[in-house]
Amino acid sequence: MEAKAICRNLRIAPRKVRLVADLVRGMRVNEALVQLQFNLKRSATPVSKLVRSAVANYKQLPDATGADIDGLVIKAIWVDEGPTARRFMPRAQGRATTIRKRSSHITVVVGQKDSSGAEA
C-alpha cells in the first residue's frame, strides 16, 4: 500500500533539490522530517511539506484505517526537470546572453516497509 504526492513547477533548480532528495531517500518518515527541519538548504522546506502531504494522502487510503503511520518509509523520491524560463542579460558590444531559470517537479512515494526481510 503506497501513497504519493507531487509538487510541480517549484522554482528551484533540480540539481539543488536532488541533494536534499538523496538525503532522505529510504528513511523512515519521522526521521526524514527531522533531517529536513534542520537542513539549511532552501529546498528542504518544500520537500518537507511534500512528505507531510504524502503521509496525509496515505491516511486517506481505505486500507490504511488500522495501519501504523510511524512505520511509514519514503519508498521513492525523485526530482524531474520542469519548464525553464529564459531571460536575457545585456552584455558587452550589444550582445545578450541567456539566463535559464530552471524549475523542478518532485514526486514522493511513501508506504509500509517491506516485511519480506529477504534481500536480493
PDB file of N, CA and C in Angstrom:
ATOM      1  N   MET A   1       0.844  -1.170   0.000  1.00  0.00           N
ATOM      2  CA  MET A   1       0.000   0.000   0.000  1.00  0.00           C
ATOM      3  C   MET A   1       0.893   1.237   0.000  1.00  0.00           C
ATOM      4  N   GLU A   2       0.697   2.078  -0.992  1.00  0.00           N
ATOM      5  CA  GLU A   2       1.533   3.256  -1.153  1.00  0.00           C
ATOM      6  C   GLU A   2       0.670   4.474  -1.421  1.00  0.00           C
ATOM      7  N   ALA A   3       1.215   5.636  -1.098  1.00  0.00           N
ATOM      8  CA  ALA A   3       0.582   6.903  -1.436  1.00  0.00           C
ATOM      9  C   ALA A   3       1.665   7.831  -1.943  1.00  0.00           C
ATOM     10  N   LYS A   4       1.269   8.729  -2.849  1.00  0.00           N
ATOM     11  CA  LYS A   4       2.274   9.634  -3.372  1.00  0.00           C
ATOM     12  C   LYS A   4       1.763  11.059  -3.393  1.00  0.00           C
ATOM     13  N   ALA A   5       2.714  11.978  -3.461  1.00  0.00           N
ATOM     14  CA  ALA A   5       2.407  13.403  -3.559  1.00  0.00           C
ATOM     15  C   ALA A   5       3.363  14.001  -4.578  1.00  0.00           C
ATOM     16  N   ILE A   6       2.876  14.980  -5.323  1.00  0.00           N
ATOM     17  CA  ILE A   6       3.666  15.590  -6.387  1.00  0.00           C
ATOM     18  C   ILE A   6       3.656  17.106  -6.215  1.00  0.00           C
ATOM     19  N   CYS A   7       4.829  17.687  -6.326  1.00  0.00           N
ATOM     20  CA  CYS A   7       4.968  19.146  -6.345  1.00  0.00           C
ATOM     21  C   CYS A   7       5.470  19.515  -7.734  1.00  0.00           C
ATOM     22  N   ARG A   8       4.742  20.361  -8.421  1.00  0.00           N
ATOM     23  CA  ARG A   8       5.121  20.723  -9.780  1.00  0.00           C
ATOM     24  C   ARG A   8       5.516  22.198  -9.847  1.00  0.00           C
ATOM     25  N   ASN A   9       6.437  22.493 -10.755  1.00  0.00           N
ATOM     26  CA  ASN A   9       6.863  23.859 -11.051  1.00  0.00           C
ATOM     27  C   ASN A   9       7.461  24.581  -9.854  1.00  0.00           C
ATOM     28  N   LEU A  10       8.231  23.881  -9.053  1.00  0.00           N
ATOM     29  CA  LEU A  10       8.947  24.504  -7.945  1.00  0.00           C
ATOM     30  C   LEU A  10      10.118  25.288  -8.521  1.00  0.00           C
ATOM     31  N   ARG A  11      10.234  26.549  -8.167  1.00  0.00           N
ATOM     32  CA  ARG A  11      11.236  27.405  -8.786  1.00  0.00           C
ATOM     33  C   ARG A  11      12.611  27.290  -8.113  1.00  0.00           C
ATOM     34  N   ILE A  12      13.082  26.070  -7.998  1.00  0.00           N
ATOM     35  CA  ILE A  12      14.440  25.775  -7.543  1.00  0.00           C
ATOM     36  C   ILE A  12      15.006  24.786  -8.561  1.00  0.00           C
ATOM     37  N   ALA A  13      16.252  24.939  -8.902  1.00  0.00           N
ATOM     38  CA  ALA A  13      16.863  24.076  -9.908  1.00  0.00           C
ATOM     39  C   ALA A  13      16.856  22.617  -9.445  1.00  0.00           C
ATOM     40  N   PRO A  14      16.592  21.671 -10.333  1.00  0.00           N
ATOM     41  CA  PRO A  14      16.524  20.256  -9.960  1.00  0.00           C
ATOM     42  C   PRO A  14      17.821  19.741  -9.354  1.00  0.00           C
ATOM     43  N   ARG A  15      18.937  20.241  -9.827  1.00  0.00           N
ATOM     44  CA  ARG A  15      20.231  19.803  -9.306  1.00  0.00           C
ATOM     45  C   ARG A  15      20.356  20.099  -7.808  1.00  0.00           C
ATOM     46  N   LYS A  16      19.793  21.221  -7.384  1.00  0.00           N
ATOM     47  CA  LYS A  16      19.856  21.604  -5.972  1.00  0.00           C
ATOM     48  C   LYS A  16      18.851  20.815  -5.140  1.00  0.00           C
ATOM     49  N   VAL A  17      17.679  20.528  -5.701  1.00  0.00           N
ATOM     50  CA  VAL A  17      16.660  19.787  -4.964  1.00  0.00           C
ATOM     51  C   VAL A  17      17.085  18.325  -4.798  1.00  0.00           C
ATOM     52  N   ARG A  18      17.801  17.788  -5.792  1.00  0.00           N
ATOM     53  CA  ARG A  18      18.233  16.387  -5.712  1.00  0.00           C
ATOM     54  C   ARG A  18      19.178  16.142  -4.545  1.00  0.00           C
ATOM     55  N   LEU A  19      19.932  17.150  -4.137  1.00  0.00           N
ATOM     56  CA  LEU A  19      20.809  16.991  -2.978  1.00  0.00           C
ATOM     57  C   LEU A  19      20.005  16.664  -1.723  1.00  0.00           C
ATOM     58  N   VAL A  20      18.881  17.329  -1.556  1.00  0.00           N
ATOM     59  CA  VAL A  20      18.021  17.089  -0.391  1.00  0.00           C
ATOM     60  C   VAL A  20      17.250  15.788  -0.559  1.00  0.00           C
ATOM     61  N   ALA A  21      16.801  15.502  -1.766  1.00  0.00           N
ATOM     62  CA  ALA A  21      16.044  14.264  -2.018  1.00  0.00           C
ATOM     63  C   ALA A  21      16.913  13.038  -1.740  1.00  0.00           C
ATOM     64  N   ASP A  22      18.174  13.098  -2.143  1.00  0.00           N
ATOM     65  CA  ASP A  22      19.076  11.977  -1.903  1.00  0.00           C
ATOM     66  C   ASP A  22      19.333  11.776  -0.413  1.00  0.00           C
ATOM     67  N   LEU A  23      19.237  12.852   0.347  1.00  0.00           N
ATOM     68  CA  LEU A  23      19.479  12.775   1.791  1.00  0.00           C
ATOM     69  C   LEU A  23      18.414  11.950   2.506  1.00  0.00           C
ATOM     70  N   VAL A  24      17.159  12.062   2.079  1.00  0.00           N
ATOM     71  CA  VAL A  24      16.062  11.423   2.815  1.00  0.00           C
ATOM     72  C   VAL A  24      15.535  10.152   2.152  1.00  0.00           C
ATOM     73  N   ARG A  25      16.030   9.796   0.989  1.00  0.00           N
ATOM     74  CA  ARG A  25      15.530   8.613   0.279  1.00  0.00           C
ATOM     75  C   ARG A  25      15.744   7.358   1.121  1.00  0.00           C
ATOM     76  N   GLY A  26      14.691   6.575   1.318  1.00  0.00           N
ATOM     77  CA  GLY A  26      14.769   5.326   2.066  1.00  0.00           C
ATOM     78  C   GLY A  26      14.620   5.469   3.566  1.00  0.00           C
ATOM     79  N   MET A  27      14.522   6.689   4.071  1.00  0.00           N
ATOM     80  CA  MET A  27      14.398   6.907   5.523  1.00  0.00           C
ATOM     81  C   MET A  27      12.966   6.687   5.985  1.00  0.00           C
ATOM     82  N   ARG A  28      12.832   6.474   7.286  1.00  0.00           N
ATOM     83  CA  ARG A  28      11.503   6.499   7.885  1.00  0.00           C
ATOM     84  C   ARG A  28      11.014   7.936   7.854  1.00  0.00           C
ATOM     85  N   VAL A  29       9.706   8.108   7.793  1.00  0.00           N
ATOM     86  CA  VAL A  29       9.131   9.437   7.610  1.00  0.00           C
ATOM     87  C   VAL A  29       9.489  10.365   8.771  1.00  0.00           C
ATOM     88  N   ASN A  30       9.402   9.866   9.993  1.00  0.00           N
ATOM     89  CA  ASN A  30       9.707  10.719  11.149  1.00  0.00           C
ATOM     90  C   ASN A  30      11.157  11.188  11.127  1.00  0.00           C
ATOM     91  N   GLU A  31      12.076  10.280  10.814  1.00  0.00           N
ATOM     92  CA  GLU A  31      13.493  10.645  10.753  1.00  0.00           C
ATOM     93  C   GLU A  31      13.748  11.641   9.627  1.00  0.00           C
ATOM     94  N   ALA A  32      13.077  11.432   8.501  1.00  0.00           N
ATOM     95  CA  ALA A  32      13.266  12.321   7.359  1.00  0.00           C
ATOM     96  C   ALA A  32      12.772  13.733   7.675  1.00  0.00           C
ATOM     97  N   LEU A  33      11.646  13.834   8.362  1.00  0.00           N
ATOM     98  CA  LEU A  33      11.123  15.160   8.706  1.00  0.00           C
ATOM     99  C   LEU A  33      12.056  15.892   9.665  1.00  0.00           C
ATOM    100  N   VAL A  34      12.676  15.163  10.588  1.00  0.00           N
ATOM    101  CA  VAL A  34      13.644  15.789  11.492  1.00  0.00           C
ATOM    102  C   VAL A  34      14.871  16.251  10.707  1.00  0.00           C
ATOM    103  N   GLN A  35      15.356  15.403   9.799  1.00  0.00           N
ATOM    104  CA  GLN A  35      16.503  15.788   8.957  1.00  0.00           C
ATOM    105  C   GLN A  35      16.189  17.052   8.169  1.00  0.00           C
ATOM    106  N   LEU A  36      15.003  17.102   7.584  1.00  0.00           N
ATOM    107  CA  LEU A  36      14.634  18.241   6.749  1.00  0.00           C
ATOM    108  C   LEU A  36      14.418  19.508   7.567  1.00  0.00           C
ATOM    109  N   GLN A  37      13.952  19.336   8.792  1.00  0.00           N
ATOM    110  CA  GLN A  37      13.710  20.502   9.646  1.00  0.00           C
ATOM    111  C   GLN A  37      15.007  21.248   9.952  1.00  0.00           C
ATOM    112  N   PHE A  38      16.104  20.512  10.111  1.00  0.00           N
ATOM    113  CA  PHE A  38      17.367  21.137  10.483  1.00  0.00           C
ATOM    114  C   PHE A  38      18.324  21.313   9.313  1.00  0.00           C
ATOM    115  N   ASN A  39      17.869  21.000   8.119  1.00  0.00           N
ATOM    116  CA  ASN A  39      18.704  21.198   6.944  1.00  0.00           C
ATOM    117  C   ASN A  39      18.617  22.661   6.514  1.00  0.00           C
ATOM    118  N   LEU A  40      19.740  23.242   6.164  1.00  0.00           N
ATOM    119  CA  LEU A  40      19.785  24.670   5.855  1.00  0.00           C
ATOM    120  C   LEU A  40      19.498  24.985   4.390  1.00  0.00           C
ATOM    121  N   LYS A  41      19.353  23.993   3.550  1.00  0.00           N
ATOM    122  CA  LYS A  41      19.104  24.235   2.133  1.00  0.00           C
ATOM    123  C   LYS A  41      17.669  24.738   1.933  1.00  0.00           C
ATOM    124  N   ARG A  42      17.513  25.602   0.934  1.00  0.00           N
ATOM    125  CA  ARG A  42      16.208  26.216   0.679  1.00  0.00           C
ATOM    126  C   ARG A  42      15.184  25.193   0.219  1.00  0.00           C
ATOM    127  N   SER A  43      15.620  24.139  -0.450  1.00  0.00           N
ATOM    128  CA  SER A  43      14.685  23.135  -0.952  1.00  0.00           C
ATOM    129  C   SER A  43      14.209  22.178   0.138  1.00  0.00           C
ATOM    130  N   ALA A  44      14.751  22.259   1.340  1.00  0.00           N
ATOM    131  CA  ALA A  44      14.332  21.365   2.419  1.00  0.00           C
ATOM    132  C   ALA A  44      12.884  21.648   2.832  1.00  0.00           C
ATOM    133  N   THR A  45      12.462  22.895   2.798  1.00  0.00           N
ATOM    134  CA  THR A  45      11.102  23.247   3.207  1.00  0.00           C
ATOM    135  C   THR A  45      10.040  22.662   2.268  1.00  0.00           C
ATOM    136  N   PRO A  46      10.149  22.852   0.936  1.00  0.00           N
ATOM    137  CA  PRO A  46       9.131  22.236   0.077  1.00  0.00           C
ATOM    138  C   PRO A  46       9.156  20.713   0.096  1.00  0.00           C
ATOM    139  N   VAL A  47      10.327  20.109   0.253  1.00  0.00           N
ATOM    140  CA  VAL A  47      10.396  18.648   0.323  1.00  0.00           C
ATOM    141  C   VAL A  47       9.714  18.161   1.600  1.00  0.00           C
ATOM    142  N   SER A  48       9.909  18.875   2.698  1.00  0.00           N
ATOM    143  CA  SER A  48       9.270  18.519   3.964  1.00  0.00           C
ATOM    144  C   SER A  48       7.742  18.608   3.843  1.00  0.00           C
ATOM    145  N   LYS A  49       7.260  19.665   3.224  1.00  0.00           N
ATOM    146  CA  LYS A  49       5.821  19.811   3.034  1.00  0.00           C
ATOM    147  C   LYS A  49       5.270  18.695   2.146  1.00  0.00           C
ATOM    148  N   LEU A  50       6.060  18.296   1.169  1.00  0.00           N
ATOM    149  CA  LEU A  50       5.625  17.248   0.260  1.00  0.00           C
ATOM    150  C   LEU A  50       5.565  15.894   0.956  1.00  0.00           C
ATOM    151  N   VAL A  51       6.511  15.615   1.834  1.00  0.00           N
ATOM    152  CA  VAL A  51       6.491  14.364   2.599  1.00  0.00           C
ATOM    153  C   VAL A  51       5.263  14.341   3.509  1.00  0.00           C
ATOM    154  N   ARG A  52       4.975  15.472   4.150  1.00  0.00           N
ATOM    155  CA  ARG A  52       3.778  15.542   5.000  1.00  0.00           C
ATOM    156  C   ARG A  52       2.508  15.328   4.182  1.00  0.00           C
ATOM    157  N   SER A  53       2.476  15.865   2.965  1.00  0.00           N
ATOM    158  CA  SER A  53       1.326  15.688   2.096  1.00  0.00           C
ATOM    159  C   SER A  53       1.160  14.219   1.700  1.00  0.00           C
ATOM    160  N   ALA A  54       2.261  13.540   1.428  1.00  0.00           N
ATOM    161  CA  ALA A  54       2.192  12.121   1.066  1.00  0.00           C
ATOM    162  C   ALA A  54       1.676  11.289   2.237  1.00  0.00           C
ATOM    163  N   VAL A  55       2.081  11.646   3.461  1.00  0.00           N
ATOM    164  CA  VAL A  55       1.595  10.939   4.648  1.00  0.00           C
ATOM    165  C   VAL A  55       0.089  11.183   4.814  1.00  0.00           C
ATOM    166  N   ALA A  56      -0.357  12.414   4.586  1.00  0.00           N
ATOM    167  CA  ALA A  56      -1.788  12.715   4.676  1.00  0.00           C
ATOM    168  C   ALA A  56      -2.565  11.954   3.611  1.00  0.00           C
ATOM    169  N   ASN A  57      -1.992  11.822   2.420  1.00  0.00           N
ATOM    170  CA  ASN A  57      -2.643  11.033   1.364  1.00  0.00           C
ATOM    171  C   ASN A  57      -2.717   9.562   1.766  1.00  0.00           C
ATOM    172  N   TYR A  58      -1.681   9.076   2.441  1.00  0.00           N
ATOM    173  CA  TYR A  58      -1.677   7.684   2.900  1.00  0.00           C
ATOM    174  C   TYR A  58      -2.786   7.453   3.926  1.00  0.00           C
ATOM    175  N   LYS A  59      -2.998   8.418   4.812  1.00  0.00           N
ATOM    176  CA  LYS A  59      -4.041   8.281   5.836  1.00  0.00           C
ATOM    177  C   LYS A  59      -5.429   8.215   5.218  1.00  0.00           C
ATOM    178  N   GLN A  60      -5.608   8.790   4.037  1.00  0.00           N
ATOM    179  CA  GLN A  60      -6.911   8.817   3.386  1.00  0.00           C
ATOM    180  C   GLN A  60      -7.223   7.538   2.613  1.00  0.00           C
ATOM    181  N   LEU A  61      -6.247   6.642   2.475  1.00  0.00           N
ATOM    182  CA  LEU A  61      -6.494   5.387   1.767  1.00  0.00           C
ATOM    183  C   LEU A  61      -7.500   4.538   2.529  1.00  0.00           C
ATOM    184  N   PRO A  62      -8.364   3.812   1.839  1.00  0.00           N
ATOM    185  CA  PRO A  62      -9.364   2.999   2.535  1.00  0.00           C
ATOM    186  C   PRO A  62      -8.748   1.859   3.347  1.00  0.00           C
ATOM    187  N   ASP A  63      -7.608   1.345   2.929  1.00  0.00           N
ATOM    188  CA  ASP A  63      -6.975   0.234   3.636  1.00  0.00           C
ATOM    189  C   ASP A  63      -6.106   0.686   4.800  1.00  0.00           C
ATOM    190  N   ALA A  64      -5.927   1.977   4.978  1.00  0.00           N
ATOM    191  CA  ALA A  64      -4.982   2.482   5.967  1.00  0.00           C
ATOM    192  C   ALA A  64      -5.634   2.834   7.300  1.00  0.00           C
ATOM    193  N   THR A  65      -6.833   2.335   7.571  1.00  0.00           N
ATOM    194  CA  THR A  65      -7.512   2.722   8.810  1.00  0.00           C
ATOM    195  C   THR A  65      -6.774   2.209  10.038  1.00  0.00           C
ATOM    196  N   GLY A  66      -6.267   0.993   9.996  1.00  0.00           N
ATOM    197  CA  GLY A  66      -5.557   0.447  11.150  1.00  0.00           C
ATOM    198  C   GLY A  66      -4.055   0.402  10.955  1.00  0.00           C
ATOM    199  N   ALA A  67      -3.555   1.048   9.919  1.00  0.00           N
ATOM    200  CA  ALA A  67      -2.124   0.975   9.604  1.00  0.00           C
ATOM    201  C   ALA A  67      -1.316   1.836  10.557  1.00  0.00           C
ATOM    202  N   ASP A  68      -0.069   1.445  10.733  1.00  0.00           N
ATOM    203  CA  ASP A  68       0.844   2.165  11.611  1.00  0.00           C
ATOM    204  C   ASP A  68       1.508   3.290  10.828  1.00  0.00           C
ATOM    205  N   ILE A  69       1.183   4.529  11.159  1.00  0.00           N
ATOM    206  CA  ILE A  69       1.739   5.681  10.456  1.00  0.00           C
ATOM    207  C   ILE A  69       3.213   5.862  10.809  1.00  0.00           C
ATOM    208  N   ASP A  70       3.613   5.465  12.020  1.00  0.00           N
ATOM    209  CA  ASP A  70       5.010   5.621  12.428  1.00  0.00           C
ATOM    210  C   ASP A  70       5.938   4.693  11.648  1.00  0.00           C
ATOM    211  N   GLY A  71       5.397   3.652  11.044  1.00  0.00           N
ATOM    212  CA  GLY A  71       6.213   2.714  10.295  1.00  0.00           C
ATOM    213  C   GLY A  71       6.369   3.070   8.823  1.00  0.00           C
ATOM    214  N   LEU A  72       5.895   4.245   8.431  1.00  0.00           N
ATOM    215  CA  LEU A  72       5.977   4.628   7.022  1.00  0.00           C
ATOM    216  C   LEU A  72       7.415   4.949   6.625  1.00  0.00           C
ATOM    217  N   VAL A  73       7.743   4.605   5.394  1.00  0.00           N
ATOM    218  CA  VAL A  73       9.078   4.816   4.851  1.00  0.00           C
ATOM    219  C   VAL A  73       8.946   5.568   3.530  1.00  0.00           C
ATOM    220  N   ILE A  74       9.912   6.427   3.241  1.00  0.00           N
ATOM    221  CA  ILE A  74       9.948   7.074   1.940  1.00  0.00           C
ATOM    222  C   ILE A  74      10.488   6.048   0.958  1.00  0.00           C
ATOM    223  N   LYS A  75       9.575   5.411   0.230  1.00  0.00           N
ATOM    224  CA  LYS A  75       9.981   4.342  -0.687  1.00  0.00           C
ATOM    225  C   LYS A  75      10.704   4.898  -1.902  1.00  0.00           C
ATOM    226  N   ALA A  76      10.234   6.014  -2.421  1.00  0.00           N
ATOM    227  CA  ALA A  76      10.861   6.614  -3.599  1.00  0.00           C
ATOM    228  C   ALA A  76      10.679   8.115  -3.547  1.00  0.00           C
ATOM    229  N   ILE A  77      11.692   8.812  -4.002  1.00  0.00           N
ATOM    230  CA  ILE A  77      11.603  10.261  -4.168  1.00  0.00           C
ATOM    231  C   ILE A  77      12.479  10.603  -5.364  1.00  0.00           C
ATOM    232  N   TRP A  78      11.907  11.334  -6.304  1.00  0.00           N
ATOM    233  CA  TRP A  78      12.708  11.721  -7.460  1.00  0.00           C
ATOM    234  C   TRP A  78      12.350  13.138  -7.879  1.00  0.00           C
ATOM    235  N   VAL A  79      13.307  13.748  -8.554  1.00  0.00           N
ATOM    236  CA  VAL A  79      13.176  15.138  -8.983  1.00  0.00           C
ATOM    237  C   VAL A  79      13.382  15.188 -10.492  1.00  0.00           C
ATOM    238  N   ASP A  80      12.379  15.669 -11.203  1.00  0.00           N
ATOM    239  CA  ASP A  80      12.455  15.835 -12.646  1.00  0.00           C
ATOM    240  C   ASP A  80      12.568  17.321 -12.973  1.00  0.00           C
ATOM    241  N   GLU A  81      13.026  17.581 -14.173  1.00  0.00           N
ATOM    242  CA  GLU A  81      13.172  18.964 -14.603  1.00  0.00           C
ATOM    243  C   GLU A  81      11.835  19.496 -15.087  1.00  0.00           C
ATOM    244  N   GLY A  82      11.478  20.681 -14.622  1.00  0.00           N
ATOM    245  CA  GLY A  82      10.252  21.335 -15.055  1.00  0.00           C
ATOM    246  C   GLY A  82      10.555  22.313 -16.176  1.00  0.00           C
ATOM    247  N   PRO A  83       9.614  23.196 -16.479  1.00  0.00           N
ATOM    248  CA  PRO A  83       9.851  24.168 -17.539  1.00  0.00           C
ATOM    249  C   PRO A  83      10.935  25.167 -17.153  1.00  0.00           C
ATOM    250  N   THR A  84      11.678  25.605 -18.143  1.00  0.00           N
ATOM    251  CA  THR A  84      12.757  26.551 -17.917  1.00  0.00           C
ATOM    252  C   THR A  84      12.347  27.911 -18.481  1.00  0.00           C
ATOM    253  N   ALA A  85      12.377  28.922 -17.628  1.00  0.00           N
ATOM    254  CA  ALA A  85      12.101  30.288 -18.081  1.00  0.00           C
ATOM    255  C   ALA A  85      13.404  30.886 -18.592  1.00  0.00           C
ATOM    256  N   ARG A  86      13.345  31.547 -19.731  1.00  0.00           N
ATOM    257  CA  ARG A  86      14.549  32.126 -20.314  1.00  0.00           C
ATOM    258  C   ARG A  86      14.481  33.643 -20.225  1.00  0.00           C
ATOM    259  N   ARG A  87      15.519  34.217 -19.674  1.00  0.00           N
ATOM    260  CA  ARG A  87      15.653  35.662 -19.565  1.00  0.00           C
ATOM    261  C   ARG A  87      16.940  36.063 -20.267  1.00  0.00           C
ATOM    262  N   PHE A  88      17.051  37.319 -20.631  1.00  0.00           N
ATOM    263  CA  PHE A  88      18.252  37.789 -21.309  1.00  0.00           C
ATOM    264  C   PHE A  88      18.922  38.865 -20.482  1.00  0.00           C
ATOM    265  N   MET A  89      20.246  38.804 -20.471  1.00  0.00           N
ATOM    266  CA  MET A  89      21.036  39.802 -19.767  1.00  0.00           C
ATOM    267  C   MET A  89      21.913  40.524 -20.789  1.00  0.00           C
ATOM    268  N   PRO A  90      21.885  41.842 -20.785  1.00  0.00           N
ATOM    269  CA  PRO A  90      22.729  42.569 -21.723  1.00  0.00           C
ATOM    270  C   PRO A  90      24.210  42.383 -21.403  1.00  0.00           C
ATOM    271  N   ARG A  91      24.999  42.237 -22.460  1.00  0.00           N
ATOM    272  CA  ARG A  91      26.445  42.064 -22.317  1.00  0.00           C
ATOM    273  C   ARG A  91      27.161  43.124 -23.157  1.00  0.00           C
ATOM    274  N   ALA A  92      28.444  42.991 -23.219  1.00  0.00           N
ATOM    275  CA  ALA A  92      29.258  43.983 -23.922  1.00  0.00           C
ATOM    276  C   ALA A  92      29.006  43.957 -25.431  1.00  0.00           C
ATOM    277  N   GLN A  93      29.193  45.097 -26.055  1.00  0.00           N
ATOM    278  CA  GLN A  93      29.134  45.284 -27.501  1.00  0.00           C
ATOM    279  C   GLN A  93      27.775  44.883 -28.081  1.00  0.00           C
ATOM    280  N   GLY A  94      26.715  45.168 -27.358  1.00  0.00           N
ATOM    281  CA  GLY A  94      25.369  44.966 -27.873  1.00  0.00           C
ATOM    282  C   GLY A  94      24.893  43.532 -27.883  1.00  0.00           C
ATOM    283  N   ARG A  95      25.612  42.645 -27.246  1.00  0.00           N
ATOM    284  CA  ARG A  95      25.199  41.248 -27.203  1.00  0.00           C
ATOM    285  C   ARG A  95      24.265  41.008 -26.024  1.00  0.00           C
ATOM    286  N   ALA A  96      23.659  39.818 -26.027  1.00  0.00           N
ATOM    287  CA  ALA A  96      22.809  39.397 -24.912  1.00  0.00           C
ATOM    288  C   ALA A  96      23.057  37.916 -24.669  1.00  0.00           C
ATOM    289  N   THR A  97      23.102  37.530 -23.409  1.00  0.00           N
ATOM    290  CA  THR A  97      23.253  36.113 -23.070  1.00  0.00           C
ATOM    291  C   THR A  97      21.988  35.631 -22.381  1.00  0.00           C
ATOM    292  N   THR A  98      21.739  34.347 -22.504  1.00  0.00           N
ATOM    293  CA  THR A  98      20.536  33.755 -21.931  1.00  0.00           C
ATOM    294  C   THR A  98      20.782  33.356 -20.489  1.00  0.00           C
ATOM    295  N   ILE A  99      19.824  33.681 -19.629  1.00  0.00           N
ATOM    296  CA  ILE A  99      19.822  33.193 -18.249  1.00  0.00           C
ATOM    297  C   ILE A  99      18.674  32.205 -18.160  1.00  0.00           C
ATOM    298  N   ARG A 100      18.978  30.974 -17.750  1.00  0.00           N
ATOM    299  CA  ARG A 100      17.955  29.933 -17.640  1.00  0.00           C
ATOM    300  C   ARG A 100      17.525  29.803 -16.190  1.00  0.00           C
ATOM    301  N   LYS A 101      16.265  30.086 -15.932  1.00  0.00           N
ATOM    302  CA  LYS A 101      15.708  29.940 -14.586  1.00  0.00           C
ATOM    303  C   LYS A 101      14.966  28.611 -14.562  1.00  0.00           C
ATOM    304  N   ARG A 102      15.570  27.629 -13.945  1.00  0.00           N
ATOM    305  CA  ARG A 102      15.059  26.262 -14.003  1.00  0.00           C
ATOM    306  C   ARG A 102      14.039  26.006 -12.897  1.00  0.00           C
ATOM    307  N   SER A 103      13.153  25.049 -13.161  1.00  0.00           N
ATOM    308  CA  SER A 103      12.167  24.647 -12.158  1.00  0.00           C
ATOM    309  C   SER A 103      12.158  23.123 -12.059  1.00  0.00           C
ATOM    310  N   SER A 104      11.498  22.629 -11.011  1.00  0.00           N
ATOM    311  CA  SER A 104      11.542  21.203 -10.693  1.00  0.00           C
ATOM    312  C   SER A 104      10.145  20.640 -10.499  1.00  0.00           C
ATOM    313  N   HIS A 105      10.029  19.343 -10.779  1.00  0.00           N
ATOM    314  CA  HIS A 105       8.866  18.549 -10.401  1.00  0.00           C
ATOM    315  C   HIS A 105       9.380  17.491  -9.423  1.00  0.00           C
ATOM    316  N   ILE A 106       8.800  17.449  -8.202  1.00  0.00           N
ATOM    317  CA  ILE A 106       9.236  16.487  -7.188  1.00  0.00           C
ATOM    318  C   ILE A 106       8.101  15.499  -6.948  1.00  0.00           C
ATOM    319  N   THR A 107       8.441  14.216  -6.841  1.00  0.00           N
ATOM    320  CA  THR A 107       7.465  13.177  -6.534  1.00  0.00           C
ATOM    321  C   THR A 107       7.964  12.372  -5.343  1.00  0.00           C
ATOM    322  N   VAL A 108       7.087  12.153  -4.360  1.00  0.00           N
ATOM    323  CA  VAL A 108       7.414  11.372  -3.170  1.00  0.00           C
ATOM    324  C   VAL A 108       6.414  10.227  -3.057  1.00  0.00           C
ATOM    325  N   VAL A 109       6.921   9.016  -2.830  1.00  0.00           N
ATOM    326  CA  VAL A 109       6.077   7.838  -2.619  1.00  0.00           C
ATOM    327  C   VAL A 109       6.392   7.293  -1.234  1.00  0.00           C
ATOM    328  N   VAL A 110       5.355   7.181  -0.391  1.00  0.00           N
ATOM    329  CA  VAL A 110       5.528   6.607   0.946  1.00  0.00           C
ATOM    330  C   VAL A 110       4.724   5.326   1.047  1.00  0.00           C
ATOM    331  N   GLY A 111       5.181   4.436   1.908  1.00  0.00           N
ATOM    332  CA  GLY A 111       4.474   3.181   2.121  1.00  0.00           C
ATOM    333  C   GLY A 111       5.069   2.445   3.304  1.00  0.00           C
ATOM    334  N   GLN A 112       4.466   1.320   3.621  1.00  0.00           N
ATOM    335  CA  GLN A 112       4.966   0.499   4.710  1.00  0.00           C
ATOM    336  C   GLN A 112       6.258  -0.180   4.291  1.00  0.00           C
ATOM    337  N   LYS A 113       7.150  -0.376   5.247  1.00  0.00           N
ATOM    338  CA  LYS A 113       8.404  -1.064   4.958  1.00  0.00           C
ATOM    339  C   LYS A 113       8.100  -2.508   4.585  1.00  0.00           C
ATOM    340  N   ASP A 114       8.809  -3.015   3.585  1.00  0.00           N
ATOM    341  CA  ASP A 114       8.585  -4.402   3.157  1.00  0.00           C
ATOM    342  C   ASP A 114       8.917  -5.351   4.287  1.00  0.00           C
ATOM    343  N   SER A 115       8.004  -6.269   4.595  1.00  0.00           N
ATOM    344  CA  SER A 115       8.196  -7.195   5.708  1.00  0.00           C
ATOM    345  C   SER A 115       8.776  -8.517   5.260  1.00  0.00           C
ATOM    346  N   SER A 116       9.197  -8.604   3.985  1.00  0.00           N
ATOM    347  CA  SER A 116       9.724  -9.876   3.480  1.00  0.00           C
ATOM    348  C   SER A 116      11.030 -10.240   4.128  1.00  0.00           C
ATOM    349  N   GLY A 117      11.895  -9.222   4.397  1.00  0.00           N
ATOM    350  CA  GLY A 117      13.146  -9.483   5.089  1.00  0.00           C
ATOM    351  C   GLY A 117      14.223 -10.072   4.197  1.00  0.00           C
ATOM    352  N   ALA A 118      13.885 -10.578   3.042  1.00  0.00           N
ATOM    353  CA  ALA A 118      14.871 -11.163   2.143  1.00  0.00           C
ATOM    354  C   ALA A 118      15.422 -10.098   1.220  1.00  0.00           C
ATOM    355  N   GLU A 119      16.743 -10.064   1.082  1.00  0.00           N
ATOM    356  CA  GLU A 119      17.379  -9.108   0.194  1.00  0.00           C
ATOM    357  C   GLU A 119      17.930  -9.835  -1.005  1.00  0.00           C
ATOM    358  N   ALA A 120      17.870  -9.202  -2.145  1.00  0.00           N
ATOM    359  CA  ALA A 120      18.347  -9.824  -3.375  1.00  0.00           C
ATOM    360  C   ALA A 120      19.838  -9.682  -3.541  1.00  0.00           C
TER     361      ALA A 120
END
